[in-house]
Amino acid sequence: MFTGIVETTGIITDILINGTNKTFWIKSPLSGELKVDQSLSHDGVCLTVEEIKDGQHRVTAVSETLSKTNINDWADGTTVNLERCLALNGRIDGHLVLGHTDTTGTVHQITENNGSWQYIIEYPDQFALLVIEKGSITINGISLTIFNISDNSIEVAIIPYTYEHTNLKHLKPGEKVNLEFDLIGKYVARIQQVRINK
């Protein structure tokens, strides 16, 4: 369980392909503090730390994860957002995040607004019921507030701190981002679906 508050970023330093899996070495300020078998959010995707060496850590994404996230687009030098799992004695500064990406979205437009930035993100329209005005969404592991909703897009505003301390500053229109919709909204939608089908 995570909160969507990014702690730091890491850089992909090496990629290995093993069958349908991809293994990544990532260098970050957190890597030396991690433990093997620890869960760590990478751009909003929960991956297990497999090895730690020389200020880097190794993780593997299986085919199911690769098919539902932007991880296939990672290359040497890619910057990824990192967050360690929630400590139960801490504050939840963002919202409850599982680290299980629902789908990818596409950056449609980025607008600088005199010191802040607005991003329009497009996503498959079957997820439209899971977004609400002023609700929460996780984009590349970042807890953000939604506004300007349409059937297949949302808009989010980015403050300077978030822009400077995450990989949002590297995004360009047309690039994919990982989206995790609000956990509570997914449960409500599921309950309604079951009731309708009965």
C-alpha atoms as a PDB file:
ATOM      1  CA  MET A   1       0.000   0.000   0.000  1.00  0.00           C
ATOM      2  CA  PHE A   2       1.288   3.446  -0.969  1.00  0.00           C
ATOM      3  CA  THR A   3       0.108   7.052  -0.731  1.00  0.00           C
ATOM      4  CA  GLY A   4       1.138   8.533  -4.075  1.00  0.00           C
ATOM      5  CA  ILE A   5       3.683  10.865  -2.489  1.00  0.00           C
ATOM      6  CA  VAL A   6       6.884  10.332  -4.484  1.00  0.00           C
ATOM      7  CA  GLU A   7      10.026  10.179  -2.340  1.00  0.00           C
ATOM      8  CA  THR A   8      12.631  10.475  -5.078  1.00  0.00           C
ATOM      9  CA  THR A   9      13.383   9.478  -8.637  1.00  0.00           C
ATOM     10  CA  GLY A  10      15.681   6.798 -10.020  1.00  0.00           C
ATOM     11  CA  ILE A  11      17.459   6.280 -13.334  1.00  0.00           C
ATOM     12  CA  ILE A  12      17.322   3.058 -15.377  1.00  0.00           C
ATOM     13  CA  THR A  13      20.934   1.921 -15.836  1.00  0.00           C
ATOM     14  CA  ASP A  14      20.499  -1.503 -17.425  1.00  0.00           C
ATOM     15  CA  ILE A  15      17.749  -3.663 -18.920  1.00  0.00           C
ATOM     16  CA  LEU A  16      17.862  -7.451 -19.261  1.00  0.00           C
ATOM     17  CA  ILE A  17      15.316  -9.564 -21.151  1.00  0.00           C
ATOM     18  CA  ASN A  18      14.582 -13.070 -19.899  1.00  0.00           C
ATOM     19  CA  GLY A  19      11.840 -14.772 -21.896  1.00  0.00           C
ATOM     20  CA  THR A  20       8.739 -12.587 -21.567  1.00  0.00           C
ATOM     21  CA  ASN A  21      10.115 -10.770 -18.511  1.00  0.00           C
ATOM     22  CA  LYS A  22      12.195  -7.610 -18.293  1.00  0.00           C
ATOM     23  CA  THR A  23      14.657  -6.952 -15.484  1.00  0.00           C
ATOM     24  CA  PHE A  24      15.789  -3.423 -14.635  1.00  0.00           C
ATOM     25  CA  TRP A  25      18.679  -2.024 -12.656  1.00  0.00           C
ATOM     26  CA  ILE A  26      17.797   1.352 -11.155  1.00  0.00           C
ATOM     27  CA  LYS A  27      20.140   3.838  -9.497  1.00  0.00           C
ATOM     28  CA  SER A  28      18.571   6.107  -6.884  1.00  0.00           C
ATOM     29  CA  PRO A  29      19.214   7.789  -3.518  1.00  0.00           C
ATOM     30  CA  LEU A  30      16.894   5.174  -1.961  1.00  0.00           C
ATOM     31  CA  SER A  31      18.516   2.066  -3.417  1.00  0.00           C
ATOM     32  CA  GLY A  32      21.089   1.636  -0.664  1.00  0.00           C
ATOM     33  CA  GLU A  33      18.374   1.856   2.022  1.00  0.00           C
ATOM     34  CA  LEU A  34      16.193  -0.863   0.540  1.00  0.00           C
ATOM     35  CA  LYS A  35      15.957  -4.532   1.488  1.00  0.00           C
ATOM     36  CA  VAL A  36      15.609  -7.550  -0.746  1.00  0.00           C
ATOM     37  CA  ASP A  37      11.950  -8.655  -1.050  1.00  0.00           C
ATOM     38  CA  GLN A  38      10.723  -5.122  -0.267  1.00  0.00           C
ATOM     39  CA  SER A  39       7.824  -3.647  -2.254  1.00  0.00           C
ATOM     40  CA  LEU A  40       8.628  -0.389  -4.020  1.00  0.00           C
ATOM     41  CA  SER A  41       6.460   1.751  -6.283  1.00  0.00           C
ATOM     42  CA  HIS A  42       8.094   2.515  -9.648  1.00  0.00           C
ATOM     43  CA  ASP A  43       6.003   5.045 -11.596  1.00  0.00           C
ATOM     44  CA  GLY A  44       3.045   3.723  -9.624  1.00  0.00           C
ATOM     45  CA  VAL A  45       3.809   0.052 -10.287  1.00  0.00           C
ATOM     46  CA  CYS A  46       4.540  -2.108  -7.255  1.00  0.00           C
ATOM     47  CA  LEU A  47       7.683  -4.160  -7.962  1.00  0.00           C
ATOM     48  CA  THR A  48       9.720  -6.374  -5.632  1.00  0.00           C
ATOM     49  CA  VAL A  49      13.351  -5.517  -4.909  1.00  0.00           C
ATOM     50  CA  GLU A  50      15.416  -8.570  -5.919  1.00  0.00           C
ATOM     51  CA  GLU A  51      18.992  -7.397  -5.431  1.00  0.00           C
ATOM     52  CA  ILE A  52      20.873  -4.330  -4.172  1.00  0.00           C
ATOM     53  CA  LYS A  53      24.388  -3.458  -5.293  1.00  0.00           C
ATOM     54  CA  ASP A  54      26.547  -0.329  -5.662  1.00  0.00           C
ATOM     55  CA  GLY A  55      23.742   2.136  -4.959  1.00  0.00           C
ATOM     56  CA  GLN A  56      21.392   0.379  -7.346  1.00  0.00           C
ATOM     57  CA  HIS A  57      18.508  -2.079  -7.030  1.00  0.00           C
ATOM     58  CA  ARG A  58      17.113  -4.703  -9.381  1.00  0.00           C
ATOM     59  CA  VAL A  59      13.452  -5.434 -10.151  1.00  0.00           C
ATOM     60  CA  THR A  60      11.642  -7.605 -12.695  1.00  0.00           C
ATOM     61  CA  ALA A  61       8.370  -6.973 -14.523  1.00  0.00           C
ATOM     62  CA  VAL A  62       6.479 -10.002 -15.855  1.00  0.00           C
ATOM     63  CA  SER A  63       4.455 -10.025 -19.082  1.00  0.00           C
ATOM     64  CA  GLU A  64       1.150  -9.150 -17.351  1.00  0.00           C
ATOM     65  CA  THR A  65       2.724  -6.022 -15.843  1.00  0.00           C
ATOM     66  CA  LEU A  66       4.435  -5.089 -19.103  1.00  0.00           C
ATOM     67  CA  SER A  67       1.136  -5.332 -21.000  1.00  0.00           C
ATOM     68  CA  LYS A  68      -0.761  -2.969 -18.664  1.00  0.00           C
ATOM     69  CA  THR A  69       1.849  -0.301 -17.888  1.00  0.00           C
ATOM     70  CA  ASN A  70       4.345   1.972 -19.614  1.00  0.00           C
ATOM     71  CA  ILE A  71       7.277  -0.164 -18.429  1.00  0.00           C
ATOM     72  CA  ASN A  72       7.867  -1.513 -21.953  1.00  0.00           C
ATOM     73  CA  ASP A  73       8.775   2.064 -22.901  1.00  0.00           C
ATOM     74  CA  TRP A  74      11.508   2.330 -20.267  1.00  0.00           C
ATOM     75  CA  ALA A  75      15.025   2.597 -21.688  1.00  0.00           C
ATOM     76  CA  ASP A  76      18.507   3.249 -20.347  1.00  0.00           C
ATOM     77  CA  GLY A  77      18.406   6.717 -18.803  1.00  0.00           C
ATOM     78  CA  THR A  78      14.640   6.775 -18.189  1.00  0.00           C
ATOM     79  CA  THR A  79      13.684   8.569 -14.958  1.00  0.00           C
ATOM     80  CA  VAL A  80      11.127   6.775 -12.760  1.00  0.00           C
ATOM     81  CA  ASN A  81       9.259   7.950  -9.657  1.00  0.00           C
ATOM     82  CA  LEU A  82       9.928   5.929  -6.484  1.00  0.00           C
ATOM     83  CA  GLU A  83       7.952   5.511  -3.263  1.00  0.00           C
ATOM     84  CA  ARG A  84       8.415   3.039  -0.441  1.00  0.00           C
ATOM     85  CA  CYS A  85       5.323   1.347   0.979  1.00  0.00           C
ATOM     86  CA  LEU A  86       3.154   3.046   3.594  1.00  0.00           C
ATOM     87  CA  ALA A  87       4.134   2.745   7.248  1.00  0.00           C
ATOM     88  CA  LEU A  88       0.987   2.282   9.328  1.00  0.00           C
ATOM     89  CA  ASN A  89       2.213   4.773  11.919  1.00  0.00           C
ATOM     90  CA  GLY A  90       2.530   7.546   9.323  1.00  0.00           C
ATOM     91  CA  ARG A  91       0.249  10.176   7.833  1.00  0.00           C
ATOM     92  CA  ILE A  92      -1.484   9.566   4.512  1.00  0.00           C
ATOM     93  CA  ASP A  93      -0.582  12.769   2.699  1.00  0.00           C
ATOM     94  CA  GLY A  94      -1.939  11.585  -0.653  1.00  0.00           C
ATOM     95  CA  HIS A  95      -4.558   8.825  -0.891  1.00  0.00           C
ATOM     96  CA  LEU A  96      -4.591   5.028  -0.592  1.00  0.00           C
ATOM     97  CA  VAL A  97      -2.739   3.545  -3.566  1.00  0.00           C
ATOM     98  CA  LEU A  98      -2.244  -0.168  -4.260  1.00  0.00           C
ATOM     99  CA  GLY A  99       0.527   0.108  -6.836  1.00  0.00           C
ATOM    100  CA  HIS A 100      -1.587  -1.902  -9.298  1.00  0.00           C
ATOM    101  CA  THR A 101      -1.881   0.060 -12.536  1.00  0.00           C
ATOM    102  CA  ASP A 102      -5.374  -0.094 -14.075  1.00  0.00           C
ATOM    103  CA  THR A 103      -4.410   1.141 -17.523  1.00  0.00           C
ATOM    104  CA  THR A 104      -2.127   3.543 -19.319  1.00  0.00           C
ATOM    105  CA  GLY A 105      -3.132   7.016 -20.378  1.00  0.00           C
ATOM    106  CA  THR A 106      -1.641   9.318 -22.982  1.00  0.00           C
ATOM    107  CA  VAL A 107      -0.404  12.835 -22.372  1.00  0.00           C
ATOM    108  CA  HIS A 108      -2.550  14.965 -24.684  1.00  0.00           C
ATOM    109  CA  GLN A 109      -1.482  18.467 -23.728  1.00  0.00           C
ATOM    110  CA  ILE A 110       0.858  20.242 -21.307  1.00  0.00           C
ATOM    111  CA  THR A 111       0.314  23.928 -20.551  1.00  0.00           C
ATOM    112  CA  GLU A 112       2.516  26.139 -18.405  1.00  0.00           C
ATOM    113  CA  ASN A 113       0.397  28.518 -16.357  1.00  0.00           C
ATOM    114  CA  ASN A 114       2.747  31.152 -14.917  1.00  0.00           C
ATOM    115  CA  GLY A 115       4.477  28.915 -12.367  1.00  0.00           C
ATOM    116  CA  SER A 116       2.288  25.813 -12.457  1.00  0.00           C
ATOM    117  CA  TRP A 117       1.502  23.259 -15.153  1.00  0.00           C
ATOM    118  CA  GLN A 118      -1.717  21.698 -16.389  1.00  0.00           C
ATOM    119  CA  TYR A 119      -1.706  18.250 -17.979  1.00  0.00           C
ATOM    120  CA  ILE A 120      -4.558  16.785 -19.988  1.00  0.00           C
ATOM    121  CA  ILE A 121      -4.429  12.987 -19.877  1.00  0.00           C
ATOM    122  CA  GLU A 122      -6.514  10.804 -22.181  1.00  0.00           C
ATOM    123  CA  TYR A 123      -7.517   7.273 -21.147  1.00  0.00           C
ATOM    124  CA  PRO A 124      -9.819   4.441 -22.388  1.00  0.00           C
ATOM    125  CA  ASP A 125     -13.416   5.607 -21.964  1.00  0.00           C
ATOM    126  CA  GLN A 126     -14.489   2.441 -20.093  1.00  0.00           C
ATOM    127  CA  PHE A 127     -12.804   3.951 -17.034  1.00  0.00           C
ATOM    128  CA  ALA A 128     -14.889   7.158 -17.112  1.00  0.00           C
ATOM    129  CA  LEU A 129     -17.072   6.032 -14.195  1.00  0.00           C
ATOM    130  CA  LEU A 130     -14.012   5.896 -11.924  1.00  0.00           C
ATOM    131  CA  VAL A 131     -13.189   9.613 -12.103  1.00  0.00           C
ATOM    132  CA  ILE A 132     -14.968  12.435 -10.301  1.00  0.00           C
ATOM    133  CA  GLU A 133     -14.399  16.179 -10.116  1.00  0.00           C
ATOM    134  CA  LYS A 134     -11.936  16.936  -7.279  1.00  0.00           C
ATOM    135  CA  GLY A 135     -11.360  13.192  -6.818  1.00  0.00           C
ATOM    136  CA  SER A 136      -7.986  11.453  -6.646  1.00  0.00           C
ATOM    137  CA  ILE A 137      -6.008   9.612  -9.299  1.00  0.00           C
ATOM    138  CA  THR A 138      -2.459   8.274  -9.422  1.00  0.00           C
ATOM    139  CA  ILE A 139      -0.403   9.244 -12.477  1.00  0.00           C
ATOM    140  CA  ASN A 140       3.027   7.590 -12.658  1.00  0.00           C
ATOM    141  CA  GLY A 141       2.698   6.942  -8.938  1.00  0.00           C
ATOM    142  CA  ILE A 142       1.810  10.558  -8.045  1.00  0.00           C
ATOM    143  CA  SER A 143      -1.375  11.303  -6.102  1.00  0.00           C
ATOM    144  CA  LEU A 144      -3.147  14.115  -7.963  1.00  0.00           C
ATOM    145  CA  THR A 145      -6.520  15.872  -7.907  1.00  0.00           C
ATOM    146  CA  ILE A 146      -8.766  15.632 -10.964  1.00  0.00           C
ATOM    147  CA  PHE A 147     -10.653  18.453 -12.668  1.00  0.00           C
ATOM    148  CA  ASN A 148     -12.195  19.144 -16.095  1.00  0.00           C
ATOM    149  CA  ILE A 149     -13.507  15.640 -16.698  1.00  0.00           C
ATOM    150  CA  SER A 150     -14.691  14.284 -20.042  1.00  0.00           C
ATOM    151  CA  ASP A 151     -15.593  10.747 -21.133  1.00  0.00           C
ATOM    152  CA  ASN A 152     -11.993   9.979 -22.011  1.00  0.00           C
ATOM    153  CA  SER A 153      -9.798  12.657 -20.448  1.00  0.00           C
ATOM    154  CA  ILE A 154      -8.994  14.459 -17.231  1.00  0.00           C
ATOM    155  CA  GLU A 155      -6.956  17.483 -16.335  1.00  0.00           C
ATOM    156  CA  VAL A 156      -4.584  17.818 -13.387  1.00  0.00           C
ATOM    157  CA  ALA A 157      -2.632  20.799 -12.064  1.00  0.00           C
ATOM    158  CA  ILE A 158       0.997  20.406 -11.023  1.00  0.00           C
ATOM    159  CA  ILE A 159       2.663  22.643  -8.449  1.00  0.00           C
ATOM    160  CA  PRO A 160       6.362  23.571  -8.851  1.00  0.00           C
ATOM    161  CA  TYR A 161       7.543  21.179  -6.105  1.00  0.00           C
ATOM    162  CA  THR A 162       5.885  18.152  -7.736  1.00  0.00           C
ATOM    163  CA  TYR A 163       7.111  19.214 -11.166  1.00  0.00           C
ATOM    164  CA  GLU A 164      10.720  19.501 -10.006  1.00  0.00           C
ATOM    165  CA  HIS A 165      10.814  16.342  -7.837  1.00  0.00           C
ATOM    166  CA  THR A 166       9.119  13.824 -10.160  1.00  0.00           C
ATOM    167  CA  ASN A 167       9.458  12.687 -13.752  1.00  0.00           C
ATOM    168  CA  LEU A 168       6.500  14.823 -14.894  1.00  0.00           C
ATOM    169  CA  LYS A 169       8.959  17.441 -16.116  1.00  0.00           C
ATOM    170  CA  HIS A 170      10.296  14.921 -18.658  1.00  0.00           C
ATOM    171  CA  LEU A 171       6.898  14.037 -20.164  1.00  0.00           C
ATOM    172  CA  LYS A 172       5.907  15.136 -23.648  1.00  0.00           C
ATOM    173  CA  PRO A 173       2.578  14.968 -25.499  1.00  0.00           C
ATOM    174  CA  GLY A 174       1.972  11.479 -26.881  1.00  0.00           C
ATOM    175  CA  GLU A 175       3.852   9.660 -24.107  1.00  0.00           C
ATOM    176  CA  LYS A 176       2.198   6.994 -21.966  1.00  0.00           C
ATOM    177  CA  VAL A 177       1.650   7.283 -18.220  1.00  0.00           C
ATOM    178  CA  ASN A 178       0.515   4.705 -15.669  1.00  0.00           C
ATOM    179  CA  LEU A 179      -2.940   5.322 -14.189  1.00  0.00           C
ATOM    180  CA  GLU A 180      -4.396   3.883 -11.008  1.00  0.00           C
ATOM    181  CA  PHE A 181      -7.945   4.991 -10.278  1.00  0.00           C
ATOM    182  CA  ASP A 182      -9.216   5.607  -6.763  1.00  0.00           C
ATOM    183  CA  LEU A 183      -9.650   2.395  -4.757  1.00  0.00           C
ATOM    184  CA  ILE A 184     -12.960   3.447  -3.188  1.00  0.00           C
ATOM    185  CA  GLY A 185     -14.411   4.355  -6.578  1.00  0.00           C
ATOM    186  CA  LYS A 186     -13.510   0.921  -7.936  1.00  0.00           C
ATOM    187  CA  TYR A 187     -15.298  -0.833  -5.075  1.00  0.00           C
ATOM    188  CA  VAL A 188     -18.404   1.328  -5.534  1.00  0.00           C
ATOM    189  CA  ALA A 189     -18.445   0.609  -9.287  1.00  0.00           C
ATOM    190  CA  ARG A 190     -18.062  -3.125  -8.629  1.00  0.00           C
ATOM    191  CA  ILE A 191     -20.918  -3.156  -6.097  1.00  0.00           C
ATOM    192  CA  GLN A 192     -23.187  -1.379  -8.585  1.00  0.00           C
ATOM    193  CA  GLN A 193     -22.223  -3.806 -11.346  1.00  0.00           C
ATOM    194  CA  VAL A 194     -23.017  -6.849  -9.192  1.00  0.00           C
ATOM    195  CA  ARG A 195     -26.391  -5.369  -8.181  1.00  0.00           C
ATOM    196  CA  ILE A 196     -27.341  -4.692 -11.813  1.00  0.00           C
ATOM    197  CA  ASN A 197     -26.360  -8.213 -12.897  1.00  0.00           C
ATOM    198  CA  LYS A 198     -28.467  -9.899 -10.214  1.00  0.00           C
END
